[in-house]
N, C-alpha and C. Protein backbone atom coordinates (compact mmCIF):
# COMPACT_ATOMS: atom_id res chain seq x y z
N MET A 1 38.50 21.16 -8.63
CA MET A 1 37.09 21.33 -8.32
C MET A 1 36.79 22.81 -8.11
N ALA A 2 35.67 23.25 -8.63
CA ALA A 2 35.27 24.64 -8.48
C ALA A 2 35.01 24.95 -7.00
N ARG A 3 35.29 26.18 -6.65
CA ARG A 3 35.22 26.62 -5.25
C ARG A 3 33.87 27.27 -4.92
N ALA A 4 33.55 27.27 -3.64
CA ALA A 4 32.35 27.96 -3.15
C ALA A 4 32.73 29.37 -2.73
N ALA A 5 31.79 30.29 -2.90
CA ALA A 5 32.04 31.68 -2.57
C ALA A 5 30.92 32.24 -1.71
N LEU A 6 31.24 33.33 -1.05
CA LEU A 6 30.27 34.10 -0.30
C LEU A 6 30.36 35.54 -0.81
N PHE A 7 29.29 35.98 -1.46
CA PHE A 7 29.18 37.35 -1.95
C PHE A 7 28.45 38.15 -0.87
N LEU A 8 29.02 39.29 -0.51
CA LEU A 8 28.48 40.09 0.59
C LEU A 8 28.11 41.49 0.13
N ASP A 9 26.95 41.92 0.54
CA ASP A 9 26.55 43.31 0.44
C ASP A 9 27.37 44.08 1.48
N ARG A 10 27.46 45.38 1.35
CA ARG A 10 28.26 46.17 2.29
C ARG A 10 27.38 46.84 3.35
N ASP A 11 26.62 47.84 2.95
CA ASP A 11 25.84 48.66 3.88
C ASP A 11 24.66 47.87 4.43
N GLY A 12 24.58 47.77 5.76
CA GLY A 12 23.51 47.02 6.39
C GLY A 12 23.82 45.54 6.55
N THR A 13 24.94 45.10 5.98
CA THR A 13 25.36 43.70 6.08
C THR A 13 26.66 43.60 6.87
N LEU A 14 27.65 44.38 6.46
CA LEU A 14 28.94 44.44 7.14
C LEU A 14 29.07 45.69 8.01
N ILE A 15 28.49 46.78 7.53
CA ILE A 15 28.60 48.06 8.23
C ILE A 15 27.22 48.65 8.48
N ARG A 16 27.18 49.53 9.46
CA ARG A 16 25.94 50.26 9.75
C ARG A 16 25.54 51.04 8.50
N HIS A 17 24.26 50.98 8.16
CA HIS A 17 23.77 51.69 6.99
C HIS A 17 23.71 53.19 7.28
N VAL A 18 24.39 53.96 6.46
CA VAL A 18 24.34 55.42 6.48
C VAL A 18 23.94 55.83 5.07
N PRO A 19 22.79 56.50 4.90
CA PRO A 19 22.37 56.87 3.55
C PRO A 19 23.45 57.67 2.81
N TYR A 20 23.74 57.23 1.60
CA TYR A 20 24.72 57.90 0.72
C TYR A 20 26.06 58.12 1.42
N LEU A 21 26.55 57.08 2.05
CA LEU A 21 27.82 57.10 2.76
C LEU A 21 28.97 57.41 1.81
N PHE A 22 29.77 58.40 2.15
CA PHE A 22 30.96 58.69 1.33
C PHE A 22 32.14 59.15 2.19
N GLN A 23 31.97 59.17 3.49
CA GLN A 23 33.05 59.60 4.38
C GLN A 23 33.54 58.39 5.17
N PRO A 24 34.80 57.99 4.98
CA PRO A 24 35.33 56.80 5.65
C PRO A 24 35.18 56.83 7.17
N GLU A 25 35.25 58.01 7.76
CA GLU A 25 35.14 58.08 9.22
C GLU A 25 33.74 57.70 9.72
N GLN A 26 32.77 57.60 8.83
CA GLN A 26 31.42 57.19 9.22
C GLN A 26 31.25 55.67 9.19
N ILE A 27 32.24 54.94 8.73
CA ILE A 27 32.16 53.48 8.64
C ILE A 27 32.19 52.90 10.06
N GLU A 28 31.19 52.08 10.36
CA GLU A 28 31.11 51.41 11.66
C GLU A 28 30.70 49.96 11.39
N LEU A 29 31.57 49.03 11.74
CA LEU A 29 31.24 47.61 11.56
C LEU A 29 30.01 47.24 12.38
N LEU A 30 29.19 46.38 11.81
CA LEU A 30 28.09 45.81 12.58
C LEU A 30 28.65 44.77 13.55
N PRO A 31 28.01 44.58 14.68
CA PRO A 31 28.50 43.59 15.64
C PRO A 31 28.64 42.21 14.98
N GLY A 32 29.79 41.60 15.20
CA GLY A 32 30.04 40.26 14.68
C GLY A 32 30.49 40.19 13.24
N ALA A 33 30.53 41.32 12.54
CA ALA A 33 30.88 41.28 11.11
C ALA A 33 32.30 40.77 10.89
N ALA A 34 33.26 41.28 11.64
CA ALA A 34 34.65 40.85 11.45
C ALA A 34 34.80 39.37 11.78
N ALA A 35 34.16 38.91 12.83
CA ALA A 35 34.23 37.49 13.19
C ALA A 35 33.59 36.63 12.11
N ALA A 36 32.49 37.09 11.53
CA ALA A 36 31.81 36.33 10.48
C ALA A 36 32.69 36.20 9.24
N VAL A 37 33.32 37.29 8.86
CA VAL A 37 34.21 37.28 7.70
C VAL A 37 35.39 36.34 7.96
N ALA A 38 35.97 36.43 9.13
CA ALA A 38 37.10 35.55 9.47
C ALA A 38 36.67 34.08 9.44
N ARG A 39 35.51 33.78 9.99
CA ARG A 39 35.03 32.39 10.02
C ARG A 39 34.75 31.87 8.61
N ALA A 40 34.13 32.68 7.76
CA ALA A 40 33.85 32.25 6.39
C ALA A 40 35.14 31.93 5.65
N ARG A 41 36.16 32.74 5.88
CA ARG A 41 37.46 32.48 5.25
C ARG A 41 38.07 31.18 5.80
N GLU A 42 37.98 30.98 7.11
CA GLU A 42 38.49 29.75 7.71
C GLU A 42 37.81 28.51 7.13
N LEU A 43 36.53 28.65 6.80
CA LEU A 43 35.77 27.53 6.23
C LEU A 43 36.11 27.29 4.76
N GLY A 44 36.89 28.20 4.17
CA GLY A 44 37.33 28.01 2.79
C GLY A 44 36.53 28.73 1.73
N TYR A 45 35.63 29.62 2.13
CA TYR A 45 34.86 30.38 1.15
C TYR A 45 35.71 31.52 0.57
N VAL A 46 35.56 31.75 -0.72
CA VAL A 46 36.18 32.89 -1.37
C VAL A 46 35.20 34.05 -1.19
N LEU A 47 35.67 35.18 -0.68
CA LEU A 47 34.78 36.30 -0.36
C LEU A 47 34.84 37.39 -1.42
N PHE A 48 33.67 37.92 -1.72
CA PHE A 48 33.52 39.02 -2.67
C PHE A 48 32.61 40.07 -2.04
N LEU A 49 32.90 41.33 -2.32
CA LEU A 49 32.06 42.44 -1.86
C LEU A 49 31.33 42.99 -3.08
N HIS A 50 30.00 43.11 -2.99
CA HIS A 50 29.19 43.63 -4.09
C HIS A 50 28.26 44.69 -3.52
N THR A 51 28.49 45.94 -3.89
CA THR A 51 27.74 47.04 -3.30
C THR A 51 27.15 47.97 -4.35
N ASN A 52 25.86 48.24 -4.23
CA ASN A 52 25.22 49.26 -5.06
C ASN A 52 25.54 50.62 -4.44
N GLN A 53 26.02 51.53 -5.25
CA GLN A 53 26.34 52.88 -4.76
C GLN A 53 25.76 53.91 -5.71
N SER A 54 24.43 54.05 -5.66
CA SER A 54 23.74 54.95 -6.58
C SER A 54 24.09 56.41 -6.35
N GLY A 55 24.69 56.73 -5.22
CA GLY A 55 25.12 58.11 -4.99
C GLY A 55 26.12 58.58 -6.02
N VAL A 56 26.89 57.64 -6.58
CA VAL A 56 27.82 58.00 -7.67
C VAL A 56 27.02 58.42 -8.89
N GLY A 57 26.07 57.58 -9.29
CA GLY A 57 25.23 57.89 -10.45
C GLY A 57 24.38 59.13 -10.27
N ARG A 58 24.07 59.44 -9.04
CA ARG A 58 23.27 60.62 -8.73
C ARG A 58 24.12 61.88 -8.62
N GLY A 59 25.45 61.73 -8.68
CA GLY A 59 26.36 62.87 -8.59
C GLY A 59 26.62 63.35 -7.17
N LEU A 60 26.31 62.54 -6.17
CA LEU A 60 26.48 62.95 -4.78
C LEU A 60 27.90 62.75 -4.27
N PHE A 61 28.61 61.76 -4.83
CA PHE A 61 30.00 61.49 -4.47
C PHE A 61 30.65 60.71 -5.60
N THR A 62 31.94 60.44 -5.46
CA THR A 62 32.70 59.84 -6.55
C THR A 62 33.07 58.37 -6.26
N LEU A 63 33.53 57.70 -7.29
CA LEU A 63 34.03 56.33 -7.10
C LEU A 63 35.23 56.31 -6.15
N GLU A 64 36.04 57.36 -6.16
CA GLU A 64 37.16 57.43 -5.22
C GLU A 64 36.66 57.53 -3.79
N ASP A 65 35.56 58.24 -3.56
CA ASP A 65 34.97 58.29 -2.22
C ASP A 65 34.55 56.89 -1.78
N VAL A 66 33.94 56.14 -2.68
CA VAL A 66 33.51 54.77 -2.37
C VAL A 66 34.73 53.90 -2.08
N ALA A 67 35.77 54.05 -2.89
CA ALA A 67 37.00 53.27 -2.69
C ALA A 67 37.61 53.57 -1.32
N ALA A 68 37.59 54.83 -0.91
CA ALA A 68 38.13 55.20 0.40
C ALA A 68 37.31 54.54 1.51
N CYS A 69 36.00 54.50 1.36
CA CYS A 69 35.14 53.83 2.35
C CYS A 69 35.43 52.34 2.36
N ASN A 70 35.62 51.75 1.20
CA ASN A 70 35.91 50.31 1.15
C ASN A 70 37.26 50.00 1.79
N ARG A 71 38.24 50.88 1.59
CA ARG A 71 39.54 50.69 2.25
C ARG A 71 39.39 50.74 3.77
N ARG A 72 38.57 51.65 4.24
CA ARG A 72 38.32 51.74 5.69
C ARG A 72 37.62 50.48 6.19
N LEU A 73 36.67 49.97 5.44
CA LEU A 73 36.00 48.73 5.81
C LEU A 73 37.02 47.60 5.95
N VAL A 74 37.89 47.45 4.96
CA VAL A 74 38.90 46.40 4.98
C VAL A 74 39.82 46.58 6.19
N GLU A 75 40.20 47.82 6.47
CA GLU A 75 41.04 48.11 7.64
C GLU A 75 40.35 47.67 8.93
N LEU A 76 39.06 48.01 9.08
CA LEU A 76 38.33 47.67 10.29
C LEU A 76 38.11 46.16 10.43
N LEU A 77 37.99 45.45 9.31
CA LEU A 77 37.84 44.00 9.37
C LEU A 77 39.11 43.35 9.92
N GLY A 78 40.25 44.00 9.71
CA GLY A 78 41.50 43.56 10.31
C GLY A 78 42.04 42.23 9.80
N GLN A 79 41.77 41.91 8.55
CA GLN A 79 42.20 40.62 8.00
C GLN A 79 43.07 40.77 6.76
N GLY A 80 43.67 41.92 6.64
CA GLY A 80 44.58 42.16 5.53
C GLY A 80 43.87 42.70 4.30
N PRO A 81 44.65 43.22 3.37
CA PRO A 81 44.07 43.88 2.20
C PRO A 81 43.41 42.93 1.20
N ASP A 82 43.68 41.64 1.31
CA ASP A 82 43.11 40.68 0.37
C ASP A 82 41.92 39.92 0.94
N VAL A 83 41.23 40.48 1.93
CA VAL A 83 40.08 39.82 2.54
C VAL A 83 39.02 39.49 1.49
N PHE A 84 38.84 40.37 0.52
CA PHE A 84 37.92 40.11 -0.59
C PHE A 84 38.73 39.80 -1.83
N ALA A 85 38.36 38.72 -2.52
CA ALA A 85 39.05 38.37 -3.77
C ALA A 85 38.88 39.49 -4.78
N GLU A 86 37.68 40.07 -4.82
CA GLU A 86 37.41 41.22 -5.68
C GLU A 86 36.24 42.00 -5.09
N VAL A 87 36.15 43.25 -5.50
CA VAL A 87 35.09 44.15 -5.04
C VAL A 87 34.39 44.70 -6.27
N CYS A 88 33.06 44.70 -6.21
CA CYS A 88 32.27 45.31 -7.28
C CYS A 88 31.48 46.47 -6.71
N VAL A 89 31.72 47.64 -7.26
CA VAL A 89 30.93 48.82 -6.92
C VAL A 89 30.04 49.11 -8.12
N ALA A 90 28.75 49.02 -7.92
CA ALA A 90 27.79 49.32 -8.98
C ALA A 90 27.37 50.78 -8.83
N PRO A 91 27.87 51.67 -9.70
CA PRO A 91 27.61 53.10 -9.52
C PRO A 91 26.32 53.60 -10.16
N GLU A 92 25.59 52.72 -10.81
CA GLU A 92 24.41 53.17 -11.55
C GLU A 92 23.32 53.70 -10.62
N ALA A 93 22.67 54.77 -11.07
CA ALA A 93 21.48 55.25 -10.39
C ALA A 93 20.33 54.31 -10.76
N PRO A 94 19.28 54.25 -9.95
CA PRO A 94 18.20 53.30 -10.23
C PRO A 94 17.55 53.46 -11.60
N TRP A 95 17.55 54.65 -12.15
CA TRP A 95 16.90 54.87 -13.44
C TRP A 95 17.82 54.59 -14.63
N GLU A 96 19.09 54.33 -14.36
CA GLU A 96 20.04 54.04 -15.43
C GLU A 96 20.01 52.55 -15.75
N PRO A 97 20.38 52.17 -16.97
CA PRO A 97 20.45 50.74 -17.29
C PRO A 97 21.41 50.03 -16.33
N ALA A 98 20.96 48.90 -15.80
CA ALA A 98 21.78 48.16 -14.84
C ALA A 98 22.85 47.36 -15.57
N VAL A 99 24.09 47.54 -15.13
CA VAL A 99 25.20 46.73 -15.60
C VAL A 99 25.59 45.81 -14.44
N TYR A 100 26.05 46.40 -13.36
CA TYR A 100 26.41 45.64 -12.17
C TYR A 100 25.44 45.87 -11.01
N ARG A 101 24.52 46.80 -11.17
CA ARG A 101 23.60 47.11 -10.08
C ARG A 101 22.75 45.89 -9.74
N LYS A 102 22.77 45.51 -8.47
CA LYS A 102 21.95 44.39 -8.03
C LYS A 102 20.49 44.72 -8.27
N PRO A 103 19.74 43.77 -8.78
CA PRO A 103 19.92 42.32 -8.80
C PRO A 103 20.59 41.74 -10.05
N SER A 104 21.36 42.51 -10.77
CA SER A 104 22.07 41.95 -11.91
C SER A 104 23.03 40.84 -11.45
N PRO A 105 23.04 39.70 -12.15
CA PRO A 105 23.96 38.62 -11.79
C PRO A 105 25.34 38.75 -12.42
N ARG A 106 25.57 39.81 -13.16
CA ARG A 106 26.79 39.92 -13.97
C ARG A 106 28.08 39.78 -13.15
N PHE A 107 28.18 40.46 -12.02
CA PHE A 107 29.41 40.38 -11.22
C PHE A 107 29.66 38.94 -10.78
N ALA A 108 28.65 38.27 -10.24
CA ALA A 108 28.82 36.89 -9.78
C ALA A 108 29.21 35.98 -10.94
N GLN A 109 28.60 36.17 -12.08
CA GLN A 109 28.92 35.34 -13.24
C GLN A 109 30.35 35.57 -13.71
N GLU A 110 30.78 36.82 -13.74
CA GLU A 110 32.16 37.12 -14.13
C GLU A 110 33.16 36.54 -13.12
N MET A 111 32.83 36.63 -11.84
CA MET A 111 33.73 36.11 -10.81
C MET A 111 33.79 34.58 -10.87
N ALA A 112 32.68 33.95 -11.20
CA ALA A 112 32.66 32.49 -11.32
C ALA A 112 33.63 32.05 -12.41
N ALA A 113 33.62 32.76 -13.53
CA ALA A 113 34.53 32.41 -14.63
C ALA A 113 35.98 32.72 -14.27
N ARG A 114 36.21 33.85 -13.64
CA ARG A 114 37.58 34.29 -13.32
C ARG A 114 38.21 33.48 -12.19
N HIS A 115 37.40 33.05 -11.22
CA HIS A 115 37.94 32.42 -10.01
C HIS A 115 37.55 30.95 -9.86
N ASP A 116 37.02 30.35 -10.92
CA ASP A 116 36.62 28.94 -10.89
C ASP A 116 35.69 28.67 -9.72
N LEU A 117 34.54 29.36 -9.71
CA LEU A 117 33.57 29.22 -8.64
C LEU A 117 32.41 28.34 -9.08
N ASP A 118 31.86 27.62 -8.14
CA ASP A 118 30.63 26.86 -8.34
C ASP A 118 29.51 27.70 -7.71
N LEU A 119 28.77 28.41 -8.55
CA LEU A 119 27.74 29.30 -8.00
C LEU A 119 26.63 28.52 -7.30
N ALA A 120 26.38 27.29 -7.68
CA ALA A 120 25.34 26.49 -7.02
C ALA A 120 25.71 26.18 -5.57
N ARG A 121 27.00 26.23 -5.24
CA ARG A 121 27.47 26.00 -3.87
C ARG A 121 27.78 27.32 -3.16
N SER A 122 27.45 28.43 -3.78
CA SER A 122 27.80 29.75 -3.26
C SER A 122 26.57 30.47 -2.73
N TRP A 123 26.83 31.53 -1.98
CA TRP A 123 25.79 32.32 -1.32
C TRP A 123 25.97 33.81 -1.61
N MET A 124 24.85 34.53 -1.59
CA MET A 124 24.84 36.00 -1.60
C MET A 124 24.05 36.42 -0.39
N ALA A 125 24.67 37.23 0.49
CA ALA A 125 24.02 37.68 1.72
C ALA A 125 23.86 39.18 1.72
N GLY A 126 22.67 39.63 2.13
CA GLY A 126 22.44 41.06 2.22
C GLY A 126 21.13 41.38 2.90
N ASP A 127 20.93 42.67 3.11
CA ASP A 127 19.77 43.14 3.85
C ASP A 127 18.70 43.78 2.96
N HIS A 128 18.80 43.58 1.65
CA HIS A 128 17.82 44.12 0.69
C HIS A 128 17.33 42.99 -0.20
N ALA A 129 16.14 43.15 -0.71
CA ALA A 129 15.59 42.17 -1.66
C ALA A 129 16.51 42.03 -2.86
N ALA A 130 17.10 43.12 -3.32
CA ALA A 130 17.98 43.06 -4.50
C ALA A 130 19.19 42.15 -4.27
N ASP A 131 19.67 42.08 -3.03
CA ASP A 131 20.79 41.19 -2.71
C ASP A 131 20.37 39.74 -2.90
N VAL A 132 19.23 39.39 -2.34
CA VAL A 132 18.73 38.02 -2.42
C VAL A 132 18.37 37.68 -3.87
N GLU A 133 17.77 38.61 -4.58
CA GLU A 133 17.40 38.38 -5.97
C GLU A 133 18.62 38.24 -6.87
N THR A 134 19.73 38.87 -6.49
CA THR A 134 20.99 38.66 -7.20
C THR A 134 21.41 37.20 -7.09
N ALA A 135 21.27 36.65 -5.90
CA ALA A 135 21.61 35.24 -5.70
C ALA A 135 20.82 34.37 -6.65
N PHE A 136 19.52 34.57 -6.72
CA PHE A 136 18.68 33.73 -7.56
C PHE A 136 19.04 33.90 -9.04
N ALA A 137 19.26 35.15 -9.46
CA ALA A 137 19.57 35.41 -10.87
C ALA A 137 20.88 34.76 -11.29
N ALA A 138 21.80 34.61 -10.33
CA ALA A 138 23.11 34.03 -10.63
C ALA A 138 23.17 32.53 -10.36
N GLY A 139 22.10 31.95 -9.86
CA GLY A 139 22.10 30.53 -9.56
C GLY A 139 22.73 30.20 -8.22
N MET A 140 22.74 31.17 -7.31
CA MET A 140 23.27 30.96 -5.96
C MET A 140 22.13 30.81 -4.98
N ARG A 141 22.50 30.52 -3.73
CA ARG A 141 21.55 30.51 -2.63
C ARG A 141 21.55 31.90 -2.00
N GLY A 142 20.39 32.32 -1.52
CA GLY A 142 20.27 33.66 -0.95
C GLY A 142 20.18 33.65 0.56
N VAL A 143 20.71 34.70 1.15
CA VAL A 143 20.62 34.91 2.59
C VAL A 143 20.03 36.29 2.83
N ALA A 144 18.85 36.30 3.42
CA ALA A 144 18.18 37.55 3.78
C ALA A 144 18.54 37.86 5.22
N LEU A 145 19.10 39.03 5.44
CA LEU A 145 19.50 39.45 6.78
C LEU A 145 18.51 40.47 7.33
N ALA A 146 18.11 40.27 8.57
CA ALA A 146 17.14 41.16 9.20
C ALA A 146 17.67 42.58 9.25
N GLY A 147 16.77 43.50 9.08
CA GLY A 147 17.14 44.91 9.15
C GLY A 147 15.96 45.78 8.80
N ASP A 148 16.26 46.97 8.35
CA ASP A 148 15.21 47.92 8.01
C ASP A 148 14.44 47.53 6.75
N TYR A 149 15.02 46.66 5.92
CA TYR A 149 14.42 46.37 4.62
C TYR A 149 13.87 44.95 4.49
N LEU A 150 14.29 44.04 5.34
CA LEU A 150 13.83 42.65 5.25
C LEU A 150 13.45 42.13 6.63
N ASP A 151 12.40 41.32 6.65
CA ASP A 151 12.07 40.56 7.84
C ASP A 151 11.75 39.14 7.39
N GLU A 152 11.49 38.28 8.34
CA GLU A 152 11.34 36.86 8.01
C GLU A 152 10.21 36.59 7.03
N SER A 153 9.18 37.42 7.00
CA SER A 153 8.06 37.20 6.09
C SER A 153 8.47 37.36 4.62
N CYS A 154 9.57 38.06 4.37
CA CYS A 154 10.02 38.28 3.00
C CYS A 154 10.44 37.00 2.30
N VAL A 155 10.88 36.00 3.05
CA VAL A 155 11.41 34.80 2.41
C VAL A 155 10.31 33.87 1.93
N THR A 156 9.08 34.00 2.44
CA THR A 156 8.00 33.09 2.08
C THR A 156 7.74 33.06 0.58
N PRO A 157 7.57 34.20 -0.11
CA PRO A 157 7.32 34.11 -1.55
C PRO A 157 8.51 33.55 -2.34
N TRP A 158 9.72 33.83 -1.87
CA TRP A 158 10.89 33.29 -2.56
C TRP A 158 10.93 31.77 -2.43
N ARG A 159 10.65 31.28 -1.24
CA ARG A 159 10.62 29.83 -1.04
C ARG A 159 9.49 29.20 -1.84
N ALA A 160 8.34 29.87 -1.88
CA ALA A 160 7.20 29.35 -2.65
C ALA A 160 7.54 29.26 -4.14
N ALA A 161 8.43 30.13 -4.59
CA ALA A 161 8.86 30.11 -5.99
C ALA A 161 9.98 29.09 -6.24
N GLY A 162 10.37 28.37 -5.19
CA GLY A 162 11.37 27.32 -5.35
C GLY A 162 12.81 27.75 -5.13
N HIS A 163 13.02 28.95 -4.60
CA HIS A 163 14.38 29.42 -4.36
C HIS A 163 14.89 28.96 -3.00
N GLU A 164 16.20 28.68 -2.94
CA GLU A 164 16.81 28.35 -1.66
C GLU A 164 17.24 29.65 -1.01
N VAL A 165 16.58 29.98 0.10
CA VAL A 165 16.86 31.23 0.80
C VAL A 165 16.76 30.99 2.30
N ALA A 166 17.67 31.58 3.02
CA ALA A 166 17.69 31.50 4.47
C ALA A 166 17.49 32.89 5.04
N PHE A 167 16.96 32.95 6.25
CA PHE A 167 16.78 34.23 6.94
C PHE A 167 17.53 34.16 8.27
N PHE A 168 18.32 35.19 8.54
CA PHE A 168 19.10 35.25 9.77
C PHE A 168 19.07 36.66 10.33
N PRO A 169 19.24 36.80 11.64
CA PRO A 169 19.26 38.13 12.25
C PRO A 169 20.54 38.91 11.95
N SER A 170 21.62 38.20 11.55
CA SER A 170 22.88 38.88 11.28
C SER A 170 23.76 38.00 10.41
N LEU A 171 24.78 38.59 9.84
CA LEU A 171 25.75 37.83 9.07
C LEU A 171 26.44 36.81 9.97
N GLU A 172 26.77 37.22 11.18
CA GLU A 172 27.44 36.31 12.11
C GLU A 172 26.59 35.07 12.38
N ALA A 173 25.29 35.25 12.57
CA ALA A 173 24.41 34.11 12.82
C ALA A 173 24.36 33.19 11.61
N PHE A 174 24.34 33.75 10.42
CA PHE A 174 24.35 32.92 9.20
C PHE A 174 25.65 32.14 9.09
N VAL A 175 26.78 32.81 9.19
CA VAL A 175 28.07 32.15 9.00
C VAL A 175 28.28 31.04 10.02
N ALA A 176 27.69 31.17 11.20
CA ALA A 176 27.80 30.13 12.22
C ALA A 176 27.19 28.81 11.76
N THR A 177 26.32 28.86 10.74
CA THR A 177 25.66 27.65 10.23
C THR A 177 26.33 27.09 8.98
N LEU A 178 27.29 27.80 8.44
CA LEU A 178 27.91 27.38 7.18
C LEU A 178 28.75 26.12 7.36
N PRO A 179 28.62 25.17 6.44
CA PRO A 179 29.53 24.02 6.45
C PRO A 179 30.84 24.42 5.78
N PRO A 180 31.87 23.63 5.92
CA PRO A 180 33.11 23.93 5.18
C PRO A 180 32.84 24.00 3.67
N ALA A 181 33.55 24.90 3.02
CA ALA A 181 33.37 25.05 1.57
C ALA A 181 33.85 23.80 0.87
């Protein structure tokens, strides 16, 4: 049977948002992020990290800088190097053609094929509209997380359009409601 997955945005979802973050020492987990990741894994969800990093496309930092930040994130989560089945870094600048840049569903679709995932039973969680729209484009359910970019009013038009979307104050609050995968 195909498995359920949880696709996670990075900045503003797992870690404090720092514009154009490229220094690992600036990584700071959001409260409850490590517990949420641990709980999702305990429930049987396959975890994926999907992050837009337009600073690469803009020439502000390199993919190696992003990789170093992601390694620091994994270290701070404290659940071993395989906490995420795979990581997608979308380096495109907003004006460049989108390949993996959210809301492109390409990463989720490729992971579904590679890891035998049932996207209809899977979720994409993040603090930007592009995160939630990625869920819809890939046939997943969306989770809008409160922050600087989304509030509860944002989900009304998505629900009116027939999308399954939830709104939560944090990743930890969302994961507390997840059923076993």
